[in-house]
C-alpha atoms as a PDB file:
ATOM      1  CA  MET A   1      -0.180   0.401  -0.087  1.00  0.00           C
ATOM      2  CA  ALA A   2       2.982   2.206   0.682  1.00  0.00           C
ATOM      3  CA  ARG A   3       3.588   2.023  -3.003  1.00  0.00           C
ATOM      4  CA  LEU A   4       0.378   3.110  -3.844  1.00  0.00           C
ATOM      5  CA  THR A   5       0.279   6.252  -1.837  1.00  0.00           C
ATOM      6  CA  GLY A   6       3.740   6.950  -3.401  1.00  0.00           C
ATOM      7  CA  SER A   7       1.856   7.054  -6.835  1.00  0.00           C
ATOM      8  CA  ARG A   8      -1.118   9.117  -5.813  1.00  0.00           C
ATOM      9  CA  ALA A   9       1.579  11.342  -4.323  1.00  0.00           C
ATOM     10  CA  ILE A  10       3.266  11.828  -7.955  1.00  0.00           C
ATOM     11  CA  PHE A  11      -0.076  11.921  -9.317  1.00  0.00           C
ATOM     12  CA  THR A  12      -1.590  14.714  -7.223  1.00  0.00           C
ATOM     13  CA  GLY A  13       1.605  16.725  -7.463  1.00  0.00           C
ATOM     14  CA  ALA A  14       1.651  16.456 -11.640  1.00  0.00           C
ATOM     15  CA  CYS A  15      -1.916  17.733 -11.657  1.00  0.00           C
ATOM     16  CA  LEU A  16      -1.300  20.283  -9.181  1.00  0.00           C
ATOM     17  CA  LEU A  17       1.944  21.421 -11.619  1.00  0.00           C
ATOM     18  CA  TRP A  18      -0.587  21.174 -14.718  1.00  0.00           C
ATOM     19  CA  ALA A  19      -3.437  23.609 -12.986  1.00  0.00           C
ATOM     20  CA  VAL A  20      -0.860  26.065 -12.100  1.00  0.00           C
ATOM     21  CA  SER A  21       0.598  26.486 -15.724  1.00  0.00           C
ATOM     22  CA  GLN A  22      -2.806  26.549 -17.179  1.00  0.00           C
ATOM     23  CA  PRO A  23      -4.096  30.257 -18.050  1.00  0.00           C
ATOM     24  CA  VAL A  24      -6.694  31.646 -15.803  1.00  0.00           C
ATOM     25  CA  GLN A  25      -9.504  33.572 -17.620  1.00  0.00           C
ATOM     26  CA  ALA A  26     -12.190  35.347 -16.438  1.00  0.00           C
ATOM     27  CA  ASP A  27     -14.697  37.987 -18.263  1.00  0.00           C
ATOM     28  CA  THR A  28     -16.667  40.827 -16.886  1.00  0.00           C
ATOM     29  CA  ASN A  29     -18.085  43.808 -18.895  1.00  0.00           C
ATOM     30  CA  LEU A  30     -16.326  47.378 -18.138  1.00  0.00           C
ATOM     31  CA  THR A  31     -18.316  50.330 -18.445  1.00  0.00           C
ATOM     32  CA  ILE A  32     -16.505  53.785 -18.688  1.00  0.00           C
ATOM     33  CA  ARG A  33     -18.385  57.040 -18.232  1.00  0.00           C
ATOM     34  CA  ALA A  34     -16.675  60.565 -18.600  1.00  0.00           C
ATOM     35  CA  VAL A  35     -18.146  63.887 -19.990  1.00  0.00           C
ATOM     36  CA  ILE A  36     -15.563  65.827 -22.104  1.00  0.00           C
ATOM     37  CA  ILE A  37     -15.604  69.587 -21.657  1.00  0.00           C
ATOM     38  CA  ALA A  38     -14.755  71.251 -24.886  1.00  0.00           C
ATOM     39  CA  PRO A  39     -13.368  74.971 -24.834  1.00  0.00           C
ATOM     40  CA  PRO A  40     -15.754  77.521 -25.177  1.00  0.00           C
ATOM     41  CA  PRO A  41     -16.012  78.615 -28.711  1.00  0.00           C
ATOM     42  CA  CYS A  42     -13.839  81.886 -30.022  1.00  0.00           C
ATOM     43  CA  VAL A  43     -15.293  84.049 -32.766  1.00  0.00           C
ATOM     44  CA  ILE A  44     -12.811  86.114 -34.701  1.00  0.00           C
ATOM     45  CA  ASN A  45     -14.401  89.290 -36.529  1.00  0.00           C
ATOM     46  CA  SER A  46     -17.424  88.101 -35.876  1.00  0.00           C
ATOM     47  CA  GLY A  47     -16.891  85.431 -38.481  1.00  0.00           C
ATOM     48  CA  SER A  48     -16.235  88.039 -41.281  1.00  0.00           C
ATOM     49  CA  THR A  49     -13.395  88.679 -43.170  1.00  0.00           C
ATOM     50  CA  LEU A  50     -10.524  90.801 -41.710  1.00  0.00           C
ATOM     51  CA  ASN A  51      -9.396  93.456 -43.922  1.00  0.00           C
ATOM     52  CA  VAL A  52      -6.329  95.588 -43.641  1.00  0.00           C
ATOM     53  CA  PRO A  53      -6.941  99.212 -44.626  1.00  0.00           C
ATOM     54  CA  PHE A  54      -3.501  99.865 -46.572  1.00  0.00           C
ATOM     55  CA  GLY A  55      -5.395 102.651 -48.521  1.00  0.00           C
ATOM     56  CA  ASN A  56      -5.225 103.142 -52.254  1.00  0.00           C
ATOM     57  CA  ASP A  57      -2.398 105.749 -52.292  1.00  0.00           C
ATOM     58  CA  LEU A  58       0.802 103.432 -51.729  1.00  0.00           C
ATOM     59  CA  LEU A  59       3.911 105.045 -53.813  1.00  0.00           C
ATOM     60  CA  THR A  60       5.927 101.690 -55.052  1.00  0.00           C
ATOM     61  CA  SER A  61       9.195 103.571 -54.279  1.00  0.00           C
ATOM     62  CA  ARG A  62       8.340 104.124 -50.715  1.00  0.00           C
ATOM     63  CA  VAL A  63       7.344 100.287 -50.102  1.00  0.00           C
ATOM     64  CA  ASP A  64       9.997  99.631 -47.676  1.00  0.00           C
ATOM     65  CA  GLY A  65       8.996  97.357 -45.224  1.00  0.00           C
ATOM     66  CA  VAL A  66       8.700 100.637 -42.733  1.00  0.00           C
ATOM     67  CA  SER A  67       6.141 103.214 -44.564  1.00  0.00           C
ATOM     68  CA  TYR A  68       2.530 102.265 -44.883  1.00  0.00           C
ATOM     69  CA  ARG A  69       2.626  99.936 -41.593  1.00  0.00           C
ATOM     70  CA  ARG A  70      -0.868  99.471 -40.124  1.00  0.00           C
ATOM     71  CA  GLU A  71      -2.566  97.886 -37.226  1.00  0.00           C
ATOM     72  CA  VAL A  72      -4.984  94.769 -38.033  1.00  0.00           C
ATOM     73  CA  PRO A  73      -7.996  95.404 -36.545  1.00  0.00           C
ATOM     74  CA  TYR A  74      -9.451  92.228 -35.055  1.00  0.00           C
ATOM     75  CA  THR A  75     -11.962  91.446 -32.615  1.00  0.00           C
ATOM     76  CA  VAL A  76     -11.846  88.420 -30.870  1.00  0.00           C
ATOM     77  CA  ARG A  77     -15.157  86.894 -28.394  1.00  0.00           C
ATOM     78  CA  CYS A  78     -14.664  83.747 -26.433  1.00  0.00           C
ATOM     79  CA  ASP A  79     -17.955  82.463 -24.892  1.00  0.00           C
ATOM     80  CA  PRO A  80     -17.623  81.860 -21.165  1.00  0.00           C
ATOM     81  CA  PRO A  81     -16.731  80.108 -19.183  1.00  0.00           C
ATOM     82  CA  VAL A  82     -13.054  80.159 -20.107  1.00  0.00           C
ATOM     83  CA  PHE A  83     -11.506  77.501 -17.785  1.00  0.00           C
ATOM     84  CA  ASN A  84      -8.058  78.221 -18.939  1.00  0.00           C
ATOM     85  CA  ASN A  85      -7.016  81.577 -19.794  1.00  0.00           C
ATOM     86  CA  ALA A  86      -3.513  80.512 -21.849  1.00  0.00           C
ATOM     87  CA  MET A  87      -4.239  80.960 -25.678  1.00  0.00           C
ATOM     88  CA  THR A  88      -2.402  81.211 -28.646  1.00  0.00           C
ATOM     89  CA  LEU A  89      -2.487  83.410 -31.785  1.00  0.00           C
ATOM     90  CA  GLU A  90      -1.174  82.220 -35.042  1.00  0.00           C
ATOM     91  CA  LEU A  91      -1.366  83.365 -38.737  1.00  0.00           C
ATOM     92  CA  LYS A  92      -1.477  80.621 -41.166  1.00  0.00           C
ATOM     93  CA  GLY A  93      -0.545  81.277 -44.888  1.00  0.00           C
ATOM     94  CA  THR A  94       2.006  81.004 -47.420  1.00  0.00           C
ATOM     95  CA  ALA A  95       4.936  82.788 -47.715  1.00  0.00           C
ATOM     96  CA  ALA A  96       6.513  84.670 -50.394  1.00  0.00           C
ATOM     97  CA  ALA A  97       9.277  83.207 -52.635  1.00  0.00           C
ATOM     98  CA  PHE A  98      11.352  85.899 -51.498  1.00  0.00           C
ATOM     99  CA  ASP A  99      11.017  85.669 -48.101  1.00  0.00           C
ATOM    100  CA  SER A 100       9.693  82.659 -45.769  1.00  0.00           C
ATOM    101  CA  ASN A 101       8.569  85.055 -42.993  1.00  0.00           C
ATOM    102  CA  VAL A 102       6.274  86.850 -45.622  1.00  0.00           C
ATOM    103  CA  LEU A 103       2.976  86.318 -46.493  1.00  0.00           C
ATOM    104  CA  LEU A 104       2.575  85.756 -50.295  1.00  0.00           C
ATOM    105  CA  THR A 105       0.501  88.695 -52.396  1.00  0.00           C
ATOM    106  CA  GLY A 106      -1.099  88.067 -55.801  1.00  0.00           C
ATOM    107  CA  LYS A 107       1.915  90.717 -56.893  1.00  0.00           C
ATOM    108  CA  THR A 108       5.139  89.708 -57.901  1.00  0.00           C
ATOM    109  CA  ASP A 109       7.797  90.891 -55.763  1.00  0.00           C
ATOM    110  CA  LEU A 110       5.414  92.127 -53.051  1.00  0.00           C
ATOM    111  CA  GLY A 111       4.583  90.576 -49.829  1.00  0.00           C
ATOM    112  CA  VAL A 112       3.148  91.709 -46.373  1.00  0.00           C
ATOM    113  CA  LYS A 113       5.345  91.338 -43.391  1.00  0.00           C
ATOM    114  CA  LEU A 114       3.498  90.906 -39.685  1.00  0.00           C
ATOM    115  CA  PHE A 115       4.114  91.784 -36.434  1.00  0.00           C
ATOM    116  CA  VAL A 116       2.903  90.878 -33.144  1.00  0.00           C
ATOM    117  CA  ASN A 117       3.204  93.477 -29.887  1.00  0.00           C
ATOM    118  CA  GLY A 118       5.938  95.186 -31.935  1.00  0.00           C
ATOM    119  CA  ALA A 119       7.927  92.220 -33.113  1.00  0.00           C
ATOM    120  CA  ASP A 120       8.887  90.241 -35.673  1.00  0.00           C
ATOM    121  CA  TRP A 121       5.967  87.721 -36.457  1.00  0.00           C
ATOM    122  CA  PRO A 122       7.036  84.671 -38.540  1.00  0.00           C
ATOM    123  CA  LEU A 123       4.126  83.125 -40.759  1.00  0.00           C
ATOM    124  CA  ASN A 124       2.640  79.651 -39.092  1.00  0.00           C
ATOM    125  CA  THR A 125       4.192  80.595 -35.680  1.00  0.00           C
ATOM    126  CA  ALA A 126       2.185  80.530 -32.685  1.00  0.00           C
ATOM    127  CA  VAL A 127       2.037  83.654 -30.380  1.00  0.00           C
ATOM    128  CA  ARG A 128       0.939  82.798 -26.609  1.00  0.00           C
ATOM    129  CA  PHE A 129      -0.712  84.859 -24.914  1.00  0.00           C
ATOM    130  CA  THR A 130      -3.174  85.387 -21.987  1.00  0.00           C
ATOM    131  CA  HIS A 131      -7.143  85.969 -22.303  1.00  0.00           C
ATOM    132  CA  PRO A 132      -8.393  88.630 -22.112  1.00  0.00           C
ATOM    133  CA  SER A 133      -5.303  90.511 -23.380  1.00  0.00           C
ATOM    134  CA  PHE A 134      -5.124  89.601 -27.096  1.00  0.00           C
ATOM    135  CA  PRO A 135      -1.869  90.509 -29.016  1.00  0.00           C
ATOM    136  CA  THR A 136      -1.553  93.864 -31.240  1.00  0.00           C
ATOM    137  CA  VAL A 137      -1.314  93.009 -34.674  1.00  0.00           C
ATOM    138  CA  GLN A 138       0.427  95.063 -37.329  1.00  0.00           C
ATOM    139  CA  ALA A 139       0.973  94.504 -40.908  1.00  0.00           C
ATOM    140  CA  VAL A 140       3.051  96.351 -43.597  1.00  0.00           C
ATOM    141  CA  PRO A 141       3.996  95.624 -47.094  1.00  0.00           C
ATOM    142  CA  VAL A 142       7.483  94.621 -48.492  1.00  0.00           C
ATOM    143  CA  LYS A 143       9.096  93.924 -51.546  1.00  0.00           C
ATOM    144  CA  ARG A 144      11.975  91.618 -52.631  1.00  0.00           C
ATOM    145  CA  VAL A 145      15.507  93.265 -52.094  1.00  0.00           C
ATOM    146  CA  GLY A 146      16.290  95.132 -55.330  1.00  0.00           C
ATOM    147  CA  SER A 147      13.234  94.730 -57.419  1.00  0.00           C
ATOM    148  CA  THR A 148      11.263  97.609 -58.863  1.00  0.00           C
ATOM    149  CA  LEU A 149       7.515  97.005 -58.217  1.00  0.00           C
ATOM    150  CA  THR A 150       4.320  97.945 -60.935  1.00  0.00           C
ATOM    151  CA  GLY A 151       1.126  99.764 -59.695  1.00  0.00           C
ATOM    152  CA  GLY A 152      -1.693  98.168 -59.307  1.00  0.00           C
ATOM    153  CA  ALA A 153      -3.919  96.592 -56.611  1.00  0.00           C
ATOM    154  CA  PHE A 154      -2.898  93.461 -54.413  1.00  0.00           C
ATOM    155  CA  ASN A 155      -4.353  90.813 -52.171  1.00  0.00           C
ATOM    156  CA  ALA A 156      -2.882  88.451 -49.721  1.00  0.00           C
ATOM    157  CA  ALA A 157      -5.038  85.816 -48.036  1.00  0.00           C
ATOM    158  CA  ALA A 158      -4.005  83.995 -44.631  1.00  0.00           C
ATOM    159  CA  THR A 159      -6.019  82.489 -41.509  1.00  0.00           C
ATOM    160  CA  LEU A 160      -6.193  83.831 -38.322  1.00  0.00           C
ATOM    161  CA  VAL A 161      -6.376  81.151 -35.710  1.00  0.00           C
ATOM    162  CA  VAL A 162      -7.179  81.735 -31.821  1.00  0.00           C
ATOM    163  CA  GLU A 163      -6.489  78.775 -29.723  1.00  0.00           C
ATOM    164  CA  TYR A 164      -7.102  77.404 -26.089  1.00  0.00           C
ATOM    165  CA  GLN A 165      -3.677  75.686 -24.445  1.00  0.00           C
END
């Protein structure tokens, strides 16, 4: 009988080893609940096109990146509640062939350079600010160095973007 008992111990030990080495699987349902709070929407210039008033009397010989500098008149309204006052302002546009920091216009050798709070503002670069103190934006026409501009109307297109951080 002692021999039989020994065999049972070996068999029982092997069964325990087999049971421990098998993966244990259990299934249950998981429910996730959350509320996503979207930042309050901001509206630039009441949703209308933003125009920079350069006027109708620019002299081609005075376009030098200094003369004709104008404020960009824009307004921003952000609906409350404002959870985080950290924001960015960015002008997204296509650069002129002669300067990657100057906005392309429809006129050869002419572009528009931008400034934010008095400092150069390269295209497609976000500027940080704190709501409700929006940055001052200015624009000035510039020409390719060494070029001679022709008279006539010009235009440029870009997108002004305000984002919460």
